Every structure is written in C-alpha cells, then in structure tokens.
Protein backbone atom coordinates (compact mmCIF):
# COMPACT_ATOMS: atom_id res chain seq x y z
CA MET A 1 144.75 41.50 179.47
CA ASN A 2 143.93 42.69 175.95
CA PRO A 3 145.04 41.64 172.43
CA TYR A 4 147.58 44.46 172.06
CA GLN A 5 149.65 43.23 174.98
CA SER A 6 150.78 40.16 173.07
CA LEU A 7 151.72 41.95 169.84
CA PRO A 8 155.37 42.24 168.71
CA VAL A 9 157.30 45.51 168.66
CA ARG A 10 156.94 45.76 164.87
CA SER A 11 153.19 46.31 165.28
CA PHE A 12 153.54 49.63 167.15
CA TRP A 13 154.32 52.93 165.43
CA ARG A 14 156.50 54.48 168.14
CA PRO A 15 159.12 51.74 168.64
CA ALA A 16 158.93 50.35 165.09
CA VAL A 17 158.81 53.60 163.09
CA ALA A 18 159.18 56.80 165.11
CA GLU A 19 162.12 55.94 167.39
CA PRO A 20 164.64 54.10 165.15
CA ASP A 21 166.76 55.92 162.64
CA PRO A 22 164.65 55.68 159.45
CA LEU A 23 167.41 53.78 157.68
CA ASP A 24 167.40 51.18 160.48
CA ILE A 25 163.69 50.36 160.27
CA ASP A 26 163.40 46.65 159.58
CA ASP A 27 161.06 43.68 159.49
CA VAL A 28 158.56 45.61 157.34
CA TRP A 29 157.73 42.60 155.16
CA ARG A 30 157.39 38.92 155.97
CA PRO A 31 156.65 37.11 152.70
CA ARG A 32 153.52 35.01 152.61
CA PHE A 33 155.24 32.40 150.49
CA SER A 34 158.86 31.44 150.05
CA LEU A 35 160.87 31.71 146.86
CA GLY A 36 163.83 29.42 146.40
CA GLN A 37 166.99 30.40 144.58
CA ASP A 38 165.97 28.36 141.55
CA ASP A 39 162.32 29.47 141.38
CA PRO A 40 161.82 31.51 138.18
CA VAL A 41 160.50 35.00 138.97
CA ILE A 42 159.08 37.29 136.30
CA THR A 43 158.59 41.04 136.65
CA ALA A 44 156.36 43.58 134.92
CA GLY A 45 154.78 46.93 135.67
CA SER A 46 155.59 50.61 135.89
CA CYS A 47 159.09 52.01 135.47
CA PHE A 48 159.89 51.52 139.17
CA ALA A 49 159.45 47.76 138.65
CA ALA A 50 162.44 47.68 136.32
CA GLN A 51 164.65 47.79 139.41
CA ILE A 52 163.34 44.50 140.82
CA GLY A 53 164.78 42.16 138.21
CA ARG A 54 168.28 43.52 138.72
CA ALA A 55 167.93 43.25 142.50
CA LEU A 56 166.85 39.62 142.17
CA LEU A 57 169.82 38.80 139.95
CA ASP A 58 172.25 40.60 142.26
CA SER A 59 170.94 38.59 145.23
CA GLY A 60 171.39 35.28 143.44
CA MET A 61 167.72 34.73 142.65
CA ASN A 62 166.41 33.35 139.37
CA TRP A 63 164.98 36.36 137.54
CA LEU A 64 163.64 35.15 134.20
CA ASP A 65 164.44 37.29 131.16
CA ALA A 66 162.15 35.67 128.59
CA GLU A 67 163.04 38.12 125.82
CA PRO A 68 166.78 38.84 126.00
CA ALA A 69 168.40 41.40 123.72
CA PRO A 70 169.98 40.22 120.49
CA PRO A 71 173.79 40.09 120.56
CA GLY A 72 175.82 43.09 119.51
CA LEU A 73 173.88 45.84 121.32
CA THR A 74 175.52 48.16 123.84
CA ARG A 75 173.96 48.57 127.28
CA GLU A 76 172.51 51.93 126.22
CA GLN A 77 171.02 50.41 123.07
CA ARG A 78 169.47 47.57 125.06
CA GLN A 79 167.88 50.02 127.48
CA ALA A 80 166.64 52.32 124.71
CA ARG A 81 164.99 49.40 122.92
CA GLY A 82 163.27 48.09 126.01
CA TYR A 83 165.39 45.04 126.79
CA GLY A 84 166.40 43.96 130.26
CA GLY A 85 164.03 46.06 132.35
CA PHE A 86 161.20 43.56 132.57
CA SER A 87 160.87 39.87 131.81
CA PHE A 88 159.46 40.66 128.35
CA ARG A 89 159.57 43.66 126.04
CA THR A 90 156.10 45.05 126.68
CA GLY A 91 157.46 48.36 127.91
CA ASN A 92 156.00 49.87 131.07
CA ILE A 93 152.63 48.52 132.19
CA TYR A 94 151.10 51.15 134.45
CA THR A 95 147.57 49.81 135.01
CA PRO A 96 146.00 46.43 135.79
CA ALA A 97 143.92 46.87 132.62
CA VAL A 98 146.99 46.88 130.39
CA LEU A 99 148.44 43.84 132.18
CA ARG A 100 145.14 42.01 131.61
CA GLN A 101 145.25 43.08 127.96
CA TRP A 102 148.76 41.73 127.35
CA LEU A 103 147.97 38.44 129.09
CA SER A 104 144.76 38.07 127.11
CA TRP A 105 146.64 38.53 123.84
CA ALA A 106 149.58 36.31 124.82
CA LEU A 107 147.45 33.46 126.17
CA GLY A 108 145.09 33.45 123.20
CA HIS A 109 141.91 34.82 124.82
CA THR A 110 141.67 37.79 122.47
CA ARG A 111 143.44 38.99 119.32
CA PRO A 112 145.42 42.24 119.44
CA PRO A 113 144.63 45.03 116.96
CA GLN A 114 146.76 45.02 113.82
CA GLU A 115 147.05 48.79 113.41
CA ALA A 116 150.48 50.43 113.24
CA TRP A 117 150.99 54.15 113.77
CA PRO A 118 152.91 55.90 110.97
CA ASP A 119 155.88 57.97 112.18
CA GLY A 120 157.47 59.64 109.17
CA ASP A 121 158.54 56.78 106.94
CA ARG A 122 158.63 54.38 109.91
CA TYR A 123 155.96 52.71 112.07
CA VAL A 124 155.26 52.51 115.80
CA ASP A 125 153.45 49.96 117.96
CA PRO A 126 150.55 51.82 119.65
CA TYR A 127 150.79 49.51 122.67
CA ARG A 128 154.52 50.00 123.30
CA PRO A 129 155.31 53.37 121.74
CA ALA A 130 158.70 53.74 123.41
CA ILE A 131 159.98 50.43 122.03
CA GLU A 132 162.36 50.86 119.08
CA PRO A 133 163.21 54.59 119.20
CA ASP A 134 163.68 54.61 115.42
CA GLY A 135 160.43 52.74 114.79
CA PHE A 136 159.87 49.77 112.50
CA ALA A 137 160.40 49.63 108.75
CA SER A 138 156.86 48.39 108.06
CA PRO A 139 153.62 47.41 109.82
CA ALA A 140 154.51 43.77 109.14
CA GLU A 141 157.84 44.17 110.92
CA MET A 142 156.09 45.80 113.87
CA LEU A 143 153.56 42.99 114.13
CA GLN A 144 156.29 40.38 113.87
CA ALA A 145 158.22 42.02 116.71
CA ARG A 146 155.05 42.15 118.82
CA GLU A 147 154.48 38.44 118.18
CA VAL A 148 157.95 37.73 119.55
CA THR A 149 156.99 39.58 122.72
CA LEU A 150 153.64 37.79 123.00
CA ASN A 151 155.44 34.46 122.72
CA ALA A 152 157.86 35.62 125.43
CA VAL A 153 154.98 36.61 127.74
CA ARG A 154 153.34 33.22 127.20
CA ALA A 155 156.55 31.29 127.83
CA ALA A 156 157.36 33.34 130.93
CA VAL A 157 153.94 32.84 132.50
CA LEU A 158 154.05 29.10 131.85
CA LYS A 159 157.48 28.75 133.44
CA ALA A 160 157.31 31.20 136.34
CA SER A 161 156.92 30.40 140.01
CA CYS A 162 156.06 34.02 140.82
CA LEU A 163 154.90 37.14 138.99
CA VAL A 164 155.95 40.45 140.55
CA PHE A 165 153.73 43.25 139.25
CA THR A 166 154.07 46.94 140.14
CA MET A 167 150.97 49.10 139.66
CA GLY A 168 151.58 52.75 138.88
CA LEU A 169 148.51 54.64 137.59
CA THR A 170 144.73 54.68 137.50
CA GLU A 171 144.47 57.18 134.63
CA ALA A 172 144.66 55.79 131.12
CA TRP A 173 143.43 56.33 127.56
CA ARG A 174 140.96 54.07 125.76
CA ASP A 175 140.36 53.51 122.06
CA THR A 176 136.66 53.92 121.26
CA VAL A 177 137.04 51.83 118.09
CA ASP A 178 138.30 48.58 119.59
CA GLY A 179 138.07 49.19 123.35
CA THR A 180 141.78 48.68 124.01
CA VAL A 181 143.75 50.61 126.61
CA TYR A 182 146.94 52.47 125.70
CA PRO A 183 150.02 52.62 127.94
CA ALA A 184 150.33 56.35 127.21
CA CYS A 185 148.14 59.04 125.67
CA PRO A 186 148.46 58.97 121.86
CA GLY A 187 150.31 62.04 120.66
CA THR A 188 152.59 62.28 123.72
CA VAL A 189 155.27 59.62 123.37
CA ARG A 190 154.32 58.80 119.77
CA GLY A 191 151.29 58.78 117.51
CA THR A 192 148.62 61.40 116.76
CA PHE A 193 145.87 62.31 119.18
CA ASP A 194 142.28 61.97 117.95
CA ALA A 195 139.77 63.48 120.39
CA GLN A 196 136.93 61.44 118.90
CA ARG A 197 138.79 58.15 119.17
CA HIS A 198 141.09 58.53 122.18
CA ILE A 199 139.23 59.16 125.44
CA PRO A 200 140.53 59.36 129.01
CA HIS A 201 139.44 56.82 131.58
CA HIS A 202 140.00 57.04 135.33
CA PHE A 203 139.86 53.55 136.81
CA THR A 204 137.89 53.12 140.01
CA PHE A 205 138.77 50.67 142.78
CA ALA A 206 136.15 48.22 141.47
CA GLU A 207 137.52 48.38 137.91
CA ALA A 208 141.17 48.05 138.93
CA HIS A 209 140.30 45.17 141.27
CA ARG A 210 138.35 43.44 138.51
CA ASP A 211 141.16 43.85 135.97
CA MET A 212 143.82 42.59 138.37
CA THR A 213 141.63 39.66 139.43
CA GLU A 214 141.03 38.71 135.79
CA ALA A 215 144.71 39.05 134.94
CA ILE A 216 145.70 36.72 137.77
CA ALA A 217 142.96 34.25 136.82
CA MET A 218 144.14 34.13 133.20
CA ALA A 219 147.75 33.60 134.24
CA ARG A 220 146.77 30.81 136.65
CA LEU A 221 144.60 29.14 134.05
CA ALA A 222 147.85 28.63 132.11
CA ASN A 223 149.99 28.04 135.21
CA PRO A 224 147.92 26.94 138.25
CA GLY A 225 150.85 27.16 140.65
CA LEU A 226 151.73 30.78 139.86
CA ARG A 227 152.09 33.04 142.88
CA VAL A 228 151.71 36.81 142.61
CA LEU A 229 153.55 39.57 144.46
CA LEU A 230 152.01 43.03 144.07
CA THR A 231 153.69 46.37 144.68
CA VAL A 232 152.67 49.99 144.13
CA SER A 233 155.05 52.46 142.54
CA PRO A 234 156.00 55.28 144.94
CA GLN A 235 156.59 57.69 142.04
CA PRO A 236 153.86 60.33 141.76
CA LEU A 237 152.08 60.77 138.45
CA THR A 238 153.62 63.35 136.12
CA ALA A 239 150.32 64.95 135.11
CA THR A 240 146.60 64.33 135.49
CA ALA A 241 144.27 64.48 132.49
CA THR A 242 141.35 65.41 134.74
CA GLY A 243 142.27 69.10 134.82
CA GLY A 244 142.37 68.92 138.59
CA HIS A 245 145.38 69.55 140.80
CA ALA A 246 148.13 66.93 140.48
CA LEU A 247 148.55 66.53 144.26
CA PRO A 248 145.10 65.13 145.14
CA ALA A 249 145.00 63.31 141.79
CA ASN A 250 148.12 61.43 142.80
CA GLY A 251 146.64 60.73 146.23
CA TYR A 252 143.59 59.14 144.61
CA THR A 253 145.70 57.05 142.25
CA LYS A 254 147.96 55.61 144.92
CA ALA A 255 145.13 55.10 147.41
CA VAL A 256 143.15 53.06 144.88
CA LEU A 257 146.10 50.94 143.81
CA ARG A 258 147.26 50.33 147.38
CA ALA A 259 143.73 49.33 148.37
CA VAL A 260 143.47 46.96 145.39
CA ALA A 261 146.77 45.31 146.29
CA GLY A 262 145.73 44.93 149.91
CA GLN A 263 142.31 43.56 149.04
CA LEU A 264 143.73 40.96 146.64
CA ALA A 265 146.26 39.88 149.26
CA LEU A 266 143.41 39.41 151.75
CA GLU A 267 141.33 37.41 149.29
CA ASP A 268 143.99 35.13 147.83
CA PRO A 269 146.62 33.17 149.80
CA GLY A 270 148.70 32.98 146.62
CA THR A 271 148.95 36.78 146.37
CA ASP A 272 151.17 38.95 148.57
CA TYR A 273 152.00 42.67 148.85
CA PHE A 274 155.46 44.20 149.23
CA PRO A 275 155.48 47.77 150.69
CA SER A 276 157.77 49.60 148.24
CA TYR A 277 155.31 52.50 148.28
CA GLU A 278 155.47 52.94 152.05
CA LEU A 279 159.27 52.59 152.16
CA ILE A 280 159.64 55.69 149.99
CA THR A 281 156.62 57.83 150.87
CA GLY A 282 156.26 57.11 154.61
CA PRO A 283 156.28 60.35 156.68
CA VAL A 284 159.26 59.18 158.73
CA PHE A 285 161.45 59.35 155.61
CA GLY A 286 160.64 63.02 155.02
CA GLY A 287 160.92 62.81 151.25
CA ARG A 288 164.62 61.97 151.50
CA PHE A 289 164.41 59.46 148.65
CA PHE A 290 162.95 61.87 146.10
CA GLY A 291 164.98 64.02 143.73
CA PRO A 292 164.63 67.83 143.46
CA ASN A 293 161.39 67.46 141.47
CA HIS A 294 159.82 65.58 144.43
CA ARG A 295 158.84 62.84 141.99
CA THR A 296 161.86 60.91 140.78
CA VAL A 297 163.04 58.25 143.22
CA THR A 298 166.80 58.55 143.66
CA PRO A 299 169.18 55.61 143.21
CA GLU A 300 169.61 55.62 147.00
CA GLY A 301 165.84 55.23 147.40
CA VAL A 302 165.76 52.37 144.92
CA GLU A 303 168.61 50.66 146.77
CA PHE A 304 166.80 51.12 150.11
CA VAL A 305 163.63 49.48 148.80
CA MET A 306 165.50 46.64 147.12
CA ARG A 307 167.50 46.01 150.30
CA HIS A 308 164.25 45.42 152.20
CA PHE A 309 162.90 43.30 149.35
CA VAL A 310 165.87 40.96 149.30
CA ALA A 311 166.09 40.87 153.10
CA GLY A 312 162.45 39.81 153.31
CA LEU A 313 163.00 37.03 150.80
CA ASN A 314 166.00 35.84 152.78
CA HIS A 315 164.33 36.29 156.21
CA ARG A 316 167.06 38.52 157.56
CA THR A 317 167.70 42.12 158.64
CA PRO A 318 168.36 44.47 155.70
CA GLN A 319 172.02 45.42 155.37
CA PRO A 320 173.26 48.68 153.80
CA GLN A 321 174.76 48.26 150.35
CA PRO A 322 177.51 50.29 148.66
CA ALA A 323 176.32 53.66 147.40
CA PRO A 324 175.04 53.56 143.82
CA THR A 325 177.52 54.70 141.20
CA PRO A 326 176.91 57.88 139.19
CA ALA A 327 175.98 55.66 136.24
CA SER A 328 173.06 54.14 138.15
CA ARG A 329 169.74 54.96 136.57
CA SER A 330 167.01 56.55 138.64
CA ALA A 331 163.58 54.95 138.67
CA ASP A 332 162.42 57.70 136.29
CA ALA A 333 164.87 56.88 133.53
CA ALA A 334 162.54 54.70 131.47
CA CYS A 335 159.14 56.21 132.32
CA GLU A 336 156.98 57.02 129.31
CA ASP A 337 154.78 58.89 131.81
CA ALA A 338 157.63 61.34 132.47
CA VAL A 339 157.31 62.77 128.94
CA LEU A 340 154.11 64.50 130.04
CA ASP A 341 156.20 67.07 131.92
CA TYR A 342 157.24 68.42 128.51
CA TYR A 343 153.67 69.63 127.99
CA SER A 344 153.54 71.58 131.24
CA PRO A 345 152.78 75.27 130.50
CA ARG A 346 155.81 76.36 132.53
C-alpha cells in the first residue's frame, strides 16, 4: 500500500487530462472558501480579468461595480472610458506592485503624485493613461476624477467579501523621481518617455511576493474578513523591454506570477488560486484558445475558463454555454499592453 493508491482520478495526468476530450476535463478547481450569491465580489487586474465580473453577474453572483458609468453613455463609450471592466476605474493593473500602490493611495497610507501629463491642450493621468480617450480639460479635473476612483476603491474594499485579482506581468516602469510604478511605459499609450526618469524594472519572485503580501495586508487592515482569489493571465506579454527574446521572457513572467500565487495560497488559508492560466495554456489544449497571433485569447477560450470558474463556485460539472456572439470582445480588447505591438520593427 502506498499514498498514491488512495488518490482520486483527478490527481493523475492520464485519466484526468490525457484521455478525456479536452473540453470535457472537469473538477480542476475546488474553491478553498465558499462564496454565497449575496457576497460582494470585487475584481481587478490585467485585461483578462475584465471577463470575470461579467461571468459573475451572468451566473447570478454579486459582482460589485463600485464606480458605475454615468448615465447617457453608450456601451462603446463606457468601455472606452474604462467603466464596467473592473470594480473601479483604475484601468488594467498588471503587477502586484501597482495593486499595492492603488490600495496604499485609496486607504490613506501614501499620497499619490499630483502630476498630470499634457496631451495637446488636454491632460492625462499617468497612472491610468487609457482612461478618458480624449483626456481631461485640466490637471484639476484629472485629479478630481482620480479621487472619485480612489473613493470607489476604498468603498469596494470595505464592502467586499472577496477580491479576485489577476496578475499579468513582471516587467514594469518606475519613476526615479517619486518611486511610483506605471501601468505602461510612458510614451507608448500616452505621455513622453524620459530615459533619465523612466526606468524599466523586472520584478523577481521575492519582490512580487512582497508586493502581493503587502497589498493583501493593507486590504485586510481595512476589512479583516476579506478573502482573496488569485489568477494569472494566460495572455503572453506583447513585448519585453529586456531586449531578449519574447518567448523565454514570457515564460519567466508567467512562472514567477504562478509561483507567487501558489506560494500565497499555501501560506494563507484566506487566499486561493484559480487555474485560468492552465486552462488556456495547458499542452492538452494545443493552443486552440489563442487567436492567429498566438497571444489573444479567443471569446471561446474566455467562455471555457469562465465556465470552469462558475462551475467551481457552484460545486458542479462545467456545462457548455452558447457560442459567443460576433460582438463578444476578446480578452485583448482593452489591453494597454497590446499597444506595444505597434512599435514592433515589422
């Protein structure tokens, strides 16, 4: 007799992964904690995370939109201005460092910089450059809009039962003047690049683990009962600032983030990991959920991941859903990171 003889089928690669039709693989996630239909859930993270809020709403869960769009906007206008994707209008948060930064500002631990980037006769928020495609009329208007978002972050954290955060990147850009971390390299989405001021930083496992640990600690200082569900975006990076090849650079990024998520789940009974990364990139799926660029996750891939997510929450076998309509957005639709492809030499 040995320990493997008493393990369930789901613990063995051949019967659980290799033999079933890939679309019939099930029981990949058993949540560590339960979420009731009325428990407020907030979401933040990389562009792939924008799918989770909609999936929660569609399944009857209580996704909290703490910063809803003002009335009178079309769906396209709401999306373009950063409403409805996450629980607050921070834009995409790719790294644990930027999540920690937003929470620190919102919960009063530090004060955000007051600088606004000029953009013609308008102004842009350096920390959410894709928000407001036409910019703001003045620095004061920009700061006022950011304060609305900070209040929304604070209110959401205080009310939430669970924070779902999707990590996407380990590469980022720092400001040497104030030490802040940008969501995108200045001069790509918006702004002007200054080589003396804007420097690349490649987060190590230790740094990403520290930032995520501090972010969770800050959130729980405000809301001791907050549970955390971590995921890792399956979308590869668009470009690496290291000058190295994008393929191993992406491997490093995802390996670090997946290890951080796993380590935090081991250390903290109030933190769990959902395998969205594995459900898209696992070898058994053969890249079927990526578009022609081998980067963008298709609507079918998003639906497949969300089906497993909802099934896990409901403790049941995932059931196929109707095919996404042509109007469905891919997981790449709101990625600031995707703009980097424009700078590719060919």
